[in-house]
Amino acid sequence: MAEFHNVFHTSRALAVLLVTVCGSALQASAQTAIVKFAYGTFGTMGDAAYIVEGDRIYQGCGAFGSKGPCLFVFNEEEVYHSSSAQGGRGMGAYVADGEKLFRCSGSFCTKGPCVLILEKNKVFHGDGPFCNKSDGAFVIDGNTVYLAEGPFGNKTDALFHIEGDVPMIALLAILAGW
């Protein structure tokens, strides 16, 4: 009877260990990145603003980056609004064309007016269907995103601090909302 009791506890421990390892492997394969608010000229970190996991952008919650509802679903060139909190693909939000980000509409993401233009590490507002460059919007400096002002995109206060790898299409979609 004692041998049966030891085998039962050993298999239970192995089962718990297996579930823990599998859960950790699934969590690690999703490549989670946290976009946190940043404050001031030095980029002091604040609470989580967004969580980018796989091909989805979630609302970030709290200092540790708890995952809230899904806001956007993206691929290499298109960003869609989420149709559910779990991340179903809804109507089109943005479409990338080279270094430019355009608004789009409908389920097939029909291209509309220009929103942002990426030039090296600076992001400018885009204007109209031909994407005329307007004044500066953001400056990406390492893993910190700063607000920019003026025609040359001069760096001002910090807006976001990025922890992990965020695809550029996801970062531009987040910035287009600001």
N, C-alpha and C. Protein backbone atom coordinates (compact mmCIF):
# COMPACT_ATOMS: atom_id res chain seq x y z
N MET A 1 0.82 -1.18 0.00
CA MET A 1 0.00 0.00 0.00
C MET A 1 0.87 1.26 0.00
N ALA A 2 1.96 1.26 0.71
CA ALA A 2 2.85 2.41 0.77
C ALA A 2 3.48 2.66 -0.60
N GLU A 3 3.80 1.54 -1.34
CA GLU A 3 4.38 1.72 -2.67
C GLU A 3 3.37 2.40 -3.60
N PHE A 4 2.10 2.01 -3.51
CA PHE A 4 1.06 2.63 -4.34
C PHE A 4 0.92 4.12 -4.01
N HIS A 5 0.96 4.42 -2.73
CA HIS A 5 0.82 5.80 -2.28
C HIS A 5 1.97 6.67 -2.81
N ASN A 6 3.21 6.18 -2.79
CA ASN A 6 4.36 6.93 -3.30
C ASN A 6 4.28 7.13 -4.81
N VAL A 7 3.84 6.08 -5.55
CA VAL A 7 3.70 6.18 -6.99
C VAL A 7 2.64 7.21 -7.35
N PHE A 8 1.52 7.22 -6.58
CA PHE A 8 0.45 8.18 -6.85
C PHE A 8 0.95 9.62 -6.66
N HIS A 9 1.66 9.87 -5.60
CA HIS A 9 2.18 11.23 -5.35
C HIS A 9 3.24 11.61 -6.39
N THR A 10 4.07 10.66 -6.81
CA THR A 10 5.09 10.93 -7.81
C THR A 10 4.44 11.27 -9.15
N SER A 11 3.42 10.50 -9.57
CA SER A 11 2.76 10.81 -10.84
C SER A 11 2.00 12.12 -10.78
N ARG A 12 1.43 12.46 -9.63
CA ARG A 12 0.74 13.75 -9.50
C ARG A 12 1.76 14.88 -9.63
N ALA A 13 2.91 14.75 -9.00
CA ALA A 13 3.94 15.78 -9.08
C ALA A 13 4.44 15.92 -10.52
N LEU A 14 4.61 14.79 -11.22
CA LEU A 14 5.04 14.85 -12.61
C LEU A 14 3.98 15.52 -13.49
N ALA A 15 2.72 15.24 -13.23
CA ALA A 15 1.64 15.86 -14.00
C ALA A 15 1.62 17.37 -13.79
N VAL A 16 1.78 17.80 -12.55
CA VAL A 16 1.81 19.24 -12.26
C VAL A 16 3.01 19.88 -12.93
N LEU A 17 4.16 19.23 -12.88
CA LEU A 17 5.36 19.74 -13.52
C LEU A 17 5.18 19.84 -15.03
N LEU A 18 4.57 18.83 -15.64
CA LEU A 18 4.33 18.82 -17.08
C LEU A 18 3.40 19.96 -17.49
N VAL A 19 2.33 20.15 -16.76
CA VAL A 19 1.39 21.24 -17.06
C VAL A 19 2.07 22.59 -16.93
N THR A 20 2.90 22.76 -15.90
CA THR A 20 3.62 24.02 -15.70
C THR A 20 4.59 24.29 -16.84
N VAL A 21 5.35 23.29 -17.25
CA VAL A 21 6.32 23.46 -18.34
C VAL A 21 5.61 23.75 -19.65
N CYS A 22 4.52 23.04 -19.95
CA CYS A 22 3.78 23.28 -21.19
C CYS A 22 3.17 24.68 -21.20
N GLY A 23 2.64 25.10 -20.08
CA GLY A 23 2.07 26.45 -19.97
C GLY A 23 3.13 27.51 -20.17
N SER A 24 4.31 27.30 -19.62
CA SER A 24 5.40 28.26 -19.79
C SER A 24 5.87 28.30 -21.24
N ALA A 25 5.90 27.16 -21.90
CA ALA A 25 6.33 27.12 -23.30
C ALA A 25 5.34 27.86 -24.18
N LEU A 26 4.05 27.69 -23.93
CA LEU A 26 3.05 28.41 -24.72
C LEU A 26 3.14 29.91 -24.47
N GLN A 27 3.37 30.31 -23.24
CA GLN A 27 3.50 31.73 -22.90
C GLN A 27 4.72 32.32 -23.59
N ALA A 28 5.83 31.61 -23.60
CA ALA A 28 7.08 32.13 -24.18
C ALA A 28 7.00 32.21 -25.70
N SER A 29 6.24 31.33 -26.34
CA SER A 29 6.18 31.32 -27.79
C SER A 29 5.37 32.48 -28.34
N ALA A 30 4.62 33.18 -27.51
CA ALA A 30 3.77 34.27 -27.98
C ALA A 30 4.55 35.58 -28.18
N GLN A 31 5.77 35.69 -27.69
CA GLN A 31 6.61 36.88 -27.83
C GLN A 31 5.87 38.13 -27.36
N THR A 32 5.74 38.25 -26.08
CA THR A 32 5.03 39.38 -25.49
C THR A 32 5.95 40.58 -25.34
N ALA A 33 5.46 41.74 -25.73
CA ALA A 33 6.17 43.01 -25.53
C ALA A 33 5.22 43.95 -24.80
N ILE A 34 5.76 44.78 -23.94
CA ILE A 34 4.96 45.72 -23.17
C ILE A 34 5.33 47.14 -23.58
N VAL A 35 4.33 47.92 -23.91
CA VAL A 35 4.52 49.33 -24.21
C VAL A 35 3.99 50.09 -22.99
N LYS A 36 4.90 50.73 -22.26
CA LYS A 36 4.52 51.45 -21.04
C LYS A 36 4.51 52.95 -21.29
N PHE A 37 3.69 53.66 -20.52
CA PHE A 37 3.72 55.12 -20.58
C PHE A 37 5.07 55.59 -20.06
N ALA A 38 5.54 56.71 -20.58
CA ALA A 38 6.78 57.33 -20.10
C ALA A 38 6.51 58.81 -19.89
N TYR A 39 7.23 59.39 -18.94
CA TYR A 39 6.95 60.78 -18.56
C TYR A 39 8.23 61.61 -18.55
N GLY A 40 8.10 62.89 -18.91
CA GLY A 40 9.20 63.83 -18.81
C GLY A 40 10.23 63.68 -19.90
N THR A 41 11.25 64.51 -19.82
CA THR A 41 12.30 64.51 -20.84
C THR A 41 13.23 63.31 -20.74
N PHE A 42 13.24 62.65 -19.58
CA PHE A 42 14.12 61.49 -19.41
C PHE A 42 13.39 60.16 -19.57
N GLY A 43 12.09 60.18 -19.80
CA GLY A 43 11.34 58.95 -20.05
C GLY A 43 11.13 58.08 -18.83
N THR A 44 10.78 58.67 -17.70
CA THR A 44 10.48 57.89 -16.50
C THR A 44 9.31 56.96 -16.78
N MET A 45 9.50 55.66 -16.50
CA MET A 45 8.48 54.67 -16.83
C MET A 45 7.26 54.75 -15.92
N GLY A 46 6.10 54.50 -16.52
CA GLY A 46 4.84 54.46 -15.80
C GLY A 46 4.18 53.10 -15.99
N ASP A 47 2.87 53.08 -15.92
CA ASP A 47 2.09 51.86 -16.06
C ASP A 47 2.05 51.38 -17.52
N ALA A 48 1.64 50.14 -17.68
CA ALA A 48 1.53 49.57 -19.02
C ALA A 48 0.39 50.23 -19.79
N ALA A 49 0.63 50.54 -21.04
CA ALA A 49 -0.38 51.13 -21.90
C ALA A 49 -0.92 50.08 -22.88
N TYR A 50 -0.01 49.29 -23.45
CA TYR A 50 -0.38 48.28 -24.45
C TYR A 50 0.47 47.04 -24.25
N ILE A 51 -0.10 45.90 -24.61
CA ILE A 51 0.61 44.62 -24.63
C ILE A 51 0.55 44.13 -26.07
N VAL A 52 1.70 43.87 -26.68
CA VAL A 52 1.76 43.34 -28.04
C VAL A 52 2.18 41.88 -27.92
N GLU A 53 1.28 41.00 -28.34
CA GLU A 53 1.51 39.56 -28.20
C GLU A 53 1.14 38.88 -29.50
N GLY A 54 2.12 38.30 -30.16
CA GLY A 54 1.87 37.66 -31.44
C GLY A 54 1.43 38.68 -32.47
N ASP A 55 0.22 38.52 -33.00
CA ASP A 55 -0.32 39.45 -33.99
C ASP A 55 -1.47 40.28 -33.43
N ARG A 56 -1.45 40.51 -32.11
CA ARG A 56 -2.52 41.26 -31.47
C ARG A 56 -1.97 42.36 -30.55
N ILE A 57 -2.73 43.44 -30.44
CA ILE A 57 -2.40 44.53 -29.53
C ILE A 57 -3.51 44.60 -28.49
N TYR A 58 -3.13 44.43 -27.23
CA TYR A 58 -4.09 44.44 -26.13
C TYR A 58 -3.93 45.72 -25.31
N GLN A 59 -4.97 46.08 -24.60
CA GLN A 59 -4.87 47.17 -23.64
C GLN A 59 -4.05 46.68 -22.47
N GLY A 60 -3.10 47.49 -22.02
CA GLY A 60 -2.28 47.13 -20.87
C GLY A 60 -2.92 47.67 -19.60
N CYS A 61 -2.76 46.94 -18.52
CA CYS A 61 -3.37 47.33 -17.25
C CYS A 61 -2.34 47.23 -16.13
N GLY A 62 -2.15 48.31 -15.40
CA GLY A 62 -1.32 48.29 -14.20
C GLY A 62 0.17 48.34 -14.47
N ALA A 63 0.91 48.36 -13.37
CA ALA A 63 2.36 48.49 -13.43
C ALA A 63 3.05 47.25 -13.99
N PHE A 64 2.43 46.08 -13.84
CA PHE A 64 3.06 44.84 -14.28
C PHE A 64 2.60 44.40 -15.66
N GLY A 65 1.70 45.14 -16.28
CA GLY A 65 1.29 44.83 -17.64
C GLY A 65 0.32 43.68 -17.77
N SER A 66 -0.72 43.67 -16.96
CA SER A 66 -1.77 42.67 -17.13
C SER A 66 -2.47 42.93 -18.46
N LYS A 67 -2.86 41.86 -19.12
CA LYS A 67 -3.45 41.96 -20.45
C LYS A 67 -4.95 42.24 -20.33
N GLY A 68 -5.39 43.33 -20.95
CA GLY A 68 -6.80 43.69 -21.00
C GLY A 68 -7.42 43.19 -22.30
N PRO A 69 -8.49 43.82 -22.76
CA PRO A 69 -9.14 43.39 -24.00
C PRO A 69 -8.28 43.68 -25.23
N CYS A 70 -8.48 42.92 -26.27
CA CYS A 70 -7.75 43.10 -27.52
C CYS A 70 -8.29 44.33 -28.25
N LEU A 71 -7.40 45.19 -28.71
CA LEU A 71 -7.78 46.40 -29.42
C LEU A 71 -7.61 46.27 -30.94
N PHE A 72 -6.48 45.67 -31.37
CA PHE A 72 -6.16 45.55 -32.78
C PHE A 72 -5.60 44.17 -33.09
N VAL A 73 -5.80 43.74 -34.33
CA VAL A 73 -5.19 42.53 -34.89
C VAL A 73 -4.43 42.99 -36.12
N PHE A 74 -3.18 42.54 -36.27
CA PHE A 74 -2.37 43.03 -37.39
C PHE A 74 -1.64 41.91 -38.10
N ASN A 75 -1.23 42.20 -39.35
CA ASN A 75 -0.32 41.33 -40.09
C ASN A 75 0.81 42.22 -40.58
N GLU A 76 1.55 41.83 -41.60
CA GLU A 76 2.71 42.59 -42.03
C GLU A 76 2.36 43.96 -42.61
N GLU A 77 1.17 44.11 -43.20
CA GLU A 77 0.83 45.36 -43.88
C GLU A 77 -0.46 46.00 -43.40
N GLU A 78 -1.32 45.27 -42.69
CA GLU A 78 -2.64 45.78 -42.33
C GLU A 78 -2.90 45.65 -40.83
N VAL A 79 -3.68 46.59 -40.32
CA VAL A 79 -4.11 46.57 -38.93
C VAL A 79 -5.63 46.64 -38.92
N TYR A 80 -6.26 45.75 -38.17
CA TYR A 80 -7.71 45.69 -38.09
C TYR A 80 -8.14 45.96 -36.65
N HIS A 81 -9.30 46.61 -36.51
CA HIS A 81 -9.90 46.73 -35.18
C HIS A 81 -10.28 45.32 -34.73
N SER A 82 -10.24 45.09 -33.45
CA SER A 82 -10.65 43.79 -32.92
C SER A 82 -12.17 43.74 -32.83
N SER A 83 -12.74 42.62 -33.22
CA SER A 83 -14.19 42.48 -33.15
C SER A 83 -14.64 41.91 -31.81
N SER A 84 -13.68 41.47 -31.00
CA SER A 84 -14.02 40.92 -29.68
C SER A 84 -12.84 41.14 -28.73
N ALA A 85 -13.09 40.95 -27.47
CA ALA A 85 -12.03 41.13 -26.47
C ALA A 85 -10.93 40.07 -26.62
N GLN A 86 -11.25 38.93 -27.25
CA GLN A 86 -10.28 37.87 -27.45
C GLN A 86 -9.43 38.08 -28.70
N GLY A 87 -9.83 38.98 -29.61
CA GLY A 87 -8.99 39.29 -30.76
C GLY A 87 -9.48 38.78 -32.09
N GLY A 88 -10.78 38.74 -32.31
CA GLY A 88 -11.30 38.41 -33.63
C GLY A 88 -11.06 39.58 -34.58
N ARG A 89 -10.78 39.29 -35.84
CA ARG A 89 -10.49 40.35 -36.81
C ARG A 89 -11.78 41.06 -37.22
N GLY A 90 -11.79 42.38 -37.06
CA GLY A 90 -12.94 43.19 -37.40
C GLY A 90 -12.68 44.03 -38.64
N MET A 91 -13.17 45.25 -38.61
CA MET A 91 -13.02 46.17 -39.74
C MET A 91 -11.60 46.75 -39.79
N GLY A 92 -11.18 47.18 -40.97
CA GLY A 92 -9.85 47.72 -41.16
C GLY A 92 -9.63 49.02 -40.41
N ALA A 93 -8.40 49.24 -39.95
CA ALA A 93 -8.04 50.47 -39.24
C ALA A 93 -6.94 51.20 -40.01
N TYR A 94 -5.83 50.50 -40.31
CA TYR A 94 -4.68 51.12 -40.96
C TYR A 94 -4.06 50.13 -41.95
N VAL A 95 -3.42 50.68 -42.97
CA VAL A 95 -2.66 49.88 -43.92
C VAL A 95 -1.33 50.58 -44.18
N ALA A 96 -0.26 49.80 -44.20
CA ALA A 96 1.08 50.35 -44.46
C ALA A 96 1.40 50.22 -45.94
N ASP A 97 2.04 51.28 -46.45
CA ASP A 97 2.52 51.28 -47.83
C ASP A 97 3.93 51.83 -47.80
N GLY A 98 4.91 50.94 -47.72
CA GLY A 98 6.30 51.36 -47.56
C GLY A 98 6.49 51.96 -46.18
N GLU A 99 6.95 53.19 -46.14
CA GLU A 99 7.20 53.89 -44.88
C GLU A 99 6.03 54.80 -44.48
N LYS A 100 4.88 54.58 -45.07
CA LYS A 100 3.71 55.42 -44.81
C LYS A 100 2.57 54.58 -44.26
N LEU A 101 1.80 55.17 -43.35
CA LEU A 101 0.64 54.50 -42.76
C LEU A 101 -0.61 55.27 -43.15
N PHE A 102 -1.57 54.56 -43.74
CA PHE A 102 -2.83 55.15 -44.18
C PHE A 102 -3.97 54.59 -43.35
N ARG A 103 -5.02 55.37 -43.17
CA ARG A 103 -6.25 54.83 -42.60
C ARG A 103 -6.85 53.91 -43.65
N CYS A 104 -7.61 52.94 -43.21
CA CYS A 104 -8.32 52.10 -44.16
C CYS A 104 -9.71 51.80 -43.60
N SER A 105 -10.58 51.32 -44.46
CA SER A 105 -11.94 51.05 -44.03
C SER A 105 -12.43 49.75 -44.65
N GLY A 106 -13.44 49.18 -44.02
CA GLY A 106 -14.05 47.96 -44.53
C GLY A 106 -13.27 46.72 -44.14
N SER A 107 -13.86 45.59 -44.42
CA SER A 107 -13.22 44.32 -44.05
C SER A 107 -12.05 43.97 -44.95
N PHE A 108 -11.92 44.63 -46.11
CA PHE A 108 -10.79 44.40 -47.00
C PHE A 108 -9.74 45.50 -46.89
N CYS A 109 -9.90 46.40 -45.93
CA CYS A 109 -8.93 47.45 -45.62
C CYS A 109 -8.64 48.33 -46.83
N THR A 110 -9.67 48.97 -47.36
CA THR A 110 -9.53 49.88 -48.49
C THR A 110 -8.80 51.15 -48.04
N LYS A 111 -7.71 51.47 -48.74
CA LYS A 111 -6.83 52.57 -48.33
C LYS A 111 -7.54 53.91 -48.39
N GLY A 112 -7.32 54.72 -47.34
CA GLY A 112 -7.89 56.06 -47.23
C GLY A 112 -6.80 57.10 -47.10
N PRO A 113 -7.02 58.16 -46.32
CA PRO A 113 -6.03 59.23 -46.19
C PRO A 113 -4.80 58.81 -45.37
N CYS A 114 -3.72 59.50 -45.60
CA CYS A 114 -2.46 59.23 -44.92
C CYS A 114 -2.52 59.70 -43.47
N VAL A 115 -1.87 58.96 -42.59
CA VAL A 115 -1.84 59.30 -41.16
C VAL A 115 -0.42 59.65 -40.72
N LEU A 116 0.53 58.73 -40.95
CA LEU A 116 1.90 58.90 -40.47
C LEU A 116 2.92 58.56 -41.56
N ILE A 117 4.07 59.23 -41.49
CA ILE A 117 5.19 58.96 -42.39
C ILE A 117 6.41 58.69 -41.52
N LEU A 118 7.08 57.57 -41.77
CA LEU A 118 8.26 57.19 -41.01
C LEU A 118 9.50 57.58 -41.82
N GLU A 119 10.38 58.39 -41.22
CA GLU A 119 11.65 58.77 -41.84
C GLU A 119 12.75 58.50 -40.83
N LYS A 120 13.49 57.43 -41.04
CA LYS A 120 14.53 56.97 -40.11
C LYS A 120 13.92 56.78 -38.72
N ASN A 121 14.32 57.59 -37.75
CA ASN A 121 13.78 57.42 -36.40
C ASN A 121 12.72 58.46 -36.06
N LYS A 122 12.28 59.23 -37.06
CA LYS A 122 11.26 60.26 -36.83
C LYS A 122 9.97 59.88 -37.54
N VAL A 123 8.85 60.23 -36.90
CA VAL A 123 7.53 59.98 -37.46
C VAL A 123 6.84 61.33 -37.62
N PHE A 124 6.36 61.59 -38.84
CA PHE A 124 5.68 62.85 -39.15
C PHE A 124 4.22 62.58 -39.44
N HIS A 125 3.39 63.60 -39.21
CA HIS A 125 1.99 63.51 -39.62
C HIS A 125 1.94 63.52 -41.14
N GLY A 126 1.05 62.73 -41.69
CA GLY A 126 0.84 62.71 -43.13
C GLY A 126 -0.49 63.38 -43.43
N ASP A 127 -0.58 63.99 -44.60
CA ASP A 127 -1.78 64.74 -44.94
C ASP A 127 -2.27 64.36 -46.33
N GLY A 128 -3.53 63.96 -46.43
CA GLY A 128 -4.17 63.71 -47.71
C GLY A 128 -3.82 62.38 -48.35
N PRO A 129 -4.40 62.13 -49.53
CA PRO A 129 -4.20 60.85 -50.20
C PRO A 129 -2.79 60.66 -50.77
N PHE A 130 -2.04 61.78 -50.97
CA PHE A 130 -0.69 61.68 -51.51
C PHE A 130 0.36 61.72 -50.41
N CYS A 131 -0.08 61.75 -49.18
CA CYS A 131 0.78 61.66 -48.00
C CYS A 131 1.82 62.78 -47.95
N ASN A 132 1.35 64.01 -48.01
CA ASN A 132 2.24 65.15 -47.87
C ASN A 132 2.72 65.24 -46.43
N LYS A 133 4.01 65.45 -46.26
CA LYS A 133 4.60 65.51 -44.93
C LYS A 133 4.20 66.80 -44.23
N SER A 134 3.71 66.65 -43.02
CA SER A 134 3.32 67.79 -42.19
C SER A 134 4.35 67.93 -41.08
N ASP A 135 3.97 68.41 -39.93
CA ASP A 135 4.94 68.59 -38.84
C ASP A 135 5.24 67.28 -38.11
N GLY A 136 6.25 67.33 -37.27
CA GLY A 136 6.71 66.15 -36.55
C GLY A 136 5.67 65.64 -35.56
N ALA A 137 5.63 64.34 -35.39
CA ALA A 137 4.69 63.71 -34.46
C ALA A 137 5.44 62.99 -33.33
N PHE A 138 6.42 62.15 -33.69
CA PHE A 138 7.12 61.33 -32.71
C PHE A 138 8.58 61.15 -33.11
N VAL A 139 9.42 60.90 -32.11
CA VAL A 139 10.82 60.53 -32.33
C VAL A 139 11.04 59.22 -31.59
N ILE A 140 11.56 58.20 -32.29
CA ILE A 140 11.85 56.91 -31.69
C ILE A 140 13.34 56.89 -31.38
N ASP A 141 13.67 56.86 -30.10
CA ASP A 141 15.06 56.90 -29.65
C ASP A 141 15.33 55.65 -28.82
N GLY A 142 15.88 54.63 -29.46
CA GLY A 142 16.11 53.36 -28.78
C GLY A 142 14.78 52.70 -28.46
N ASN A 143 14.52 52.48 -27.18
CA ASN A 143 13.26 51.86 -26.78
C ASN A 143 12.30 52.87 -26.14
N THR A 144 12.52 54.15 -26.41
CA THR A 144 11.63 55.19 -25.90
C THR A 144 11.09 56.01 -27.06
N VAL A 145 9.80 56.30 -27.02
CA VAL A 145 9.14 57.12 -28.03
C VAL A 145 8.84 58.48 -27.40
N TYR A 146 9.29 59.53 -28.07
CA TYR A 146 9.09 60.90 -27.60
C TYR A 146 8.10 61.62 -28.51
N LEU A 147 7.39 62.57 -27.96
CA LEU A 147 6.60 63.46 -28.78
C LEU A 147 7.54 64.36 -29.55
N ALA A 148 7.13 64.81 -30.73
CA ALA A 148 7.96 65.70 -31.54
C ALA A 148 7.13 66.92 -31.92
N GLU A 149 7.84 67.99 -32.22
CA GLU A 149 7.14 69.20 -32.64
C GLU A 149 7.92 69.89 -33.75
N GLY A 150 7.20 70.68 -34.54
CA GLY A 150 7.82 71.47 -35.57
C GLY A 150 8.07 70.70 -36.86
N PRO A 151 8.49 71.40 -37.90
CA PRO A 151 8.70 70.76 -39.21
C PRO A 151 9.89 69.80 -39.24
N PHE A 152 10.79 69.93 -38.27
CA PHE A 152 11.95 69.04 -38.25
C PHE A 152 11.80 67.91 -37.24
N GLY A 153 10.70 67.85 -36.54
CA GLY A 153 10.45 66.79 -35.58
C GLY A 153 11.38 66.82 -34.39
N ASN A 154 11.49 67.97 -33.74
CA ASN A 154 12.34 68.10 -32.56
C ASN A 154 11.75 67.33 -31.37
N LYS A 155 12.59 66.60 -30.68
CA LYS A 155 12.18 65.74 -29.57
C LYS A 155 11.75 66.59 -28.37
N THR A 156 10.61 66.23 -27.77
CA THR A 156 10.13 66.90 -26.55
C THR A 156 9.99 65.87 -25.44
N ASP A 157 8.85 65.77 -24.81
CA ASP A 157 8.64 64.84 -23.69
C ASP A 157 8.43 63.41 -24.16
N ALA A 158 8.78 62.47 -23.28
CA ALA A 158 8.60 61.05 -23.58
C ALA A 158 7.12 60.68 -23.53
N LEU A 159 6.76 59.70 -24.33
CA LEU A 159 5.38 59.21 -24.37
C LEU A 159 5.31 57.74 -23.98
N PHE A 160 6.16 56.90 -24.59
CA PHE A 160 6.14 55.45 -24.34
C PHE A 160 7.55 54.92 -24.13
N HIS A 161 7.64 53.85 -23.33
CA HIS A 161 8.85 53.07 -23.16
C HIS A 161 8.50 51.65 -23.57
N ILE A 162 9.31 51.05 -24.44
CA ILE A 162 9.00 49.74 -25.00
C ILE A 162 9.90 48.69 -24.38
N GLU A 163 9.29 47.62 -23.87
CA GLU A 163 10.02 46.47 -23.33
C GLU A 163 9.74 45.27 -24.22
N GLY A 164 10.73 44.82 -24.97
CA GLY A 164 10.56 43.70 -25.89
C GLY A 164 10.54 44.19 -27.33
N ASP A 165 10.30 43.26 -28.25
CA ASP A 165 10.29 43.58 -29.68
C ASP A 165 8.86 43.83 -30.14
N VAL A 166 8.62 45.02 -30.65
CA VAL A 166 7.30 45.39 -31.19
C VAL A 166 7.48 45.61 -32.69
N PRO A 167 6.72 44.89 -33.52
CA PRO A 167 6.80 45.13 -34.96
C PRO A 167 6.46 46.58 -35.29
N MET A 168 7.09 47.14 -36.31
CA MET A 168 6.88 48.54 -36.65
C MET A 168 5.43 48.83 -37.00
N ILE A 169 4.74 47.91 -37.67
CA ILE A 169 3.34 48.13 -38.01
C ILE A 169 2.49 48.27 -36.75
N ALA A 170 2.81 47.51 -35.71
CA ALA A 170 2.07 47.59 -34.45
C ALA A 170 2.38 48.91 -33.74
N LEU A 171 3.64 49.32 -33.74
CA LEU A 171 4.01 50.58 -33.10
C LEU A 171 3.36 51.77 -33.81
N LEU A 172 3.36 51.75 -35.14
CA LEU A 172 2.72 52.84 -35.89
C LEU A 172 1.22 52.88 -35.64
N ALA A 173 0.58 51.72 -35.51
CA ALA A 173 -0.86 51.69 -35.21
C ALA A 173 -1.14 52.30 -33.84
N ILE A 174 -0.29 52.00 -32.86
CA ILE A 174 -0.45 52.58 -31.52
C ILE A 174 -0.25 54.09 -31.60
N LEU A 175 0.79 54.53 -32.31
CA LEU A 175 1.08 55.97 -32.40
C LEU A 175 0.01 56.71 -33.20
N ALA A 176 -0.61 56.07 -34.16
CA ALA A 176 -1.64 56.74 -34.96
C ALA A 176 -2.84 57.14 -34.11
N GLY A 177 -3.05 56.46 -33.01
CA GLY A 177 -4.14 56.81 -32.10
C GLY A 177 -3.83 57.99 -31.21
N TRP A 178 -2.61 58.47 -31.23
CA TRP A 178 -2.19 59.60 -30.39
C TRP A 178 -2.13 60.80 -31.24
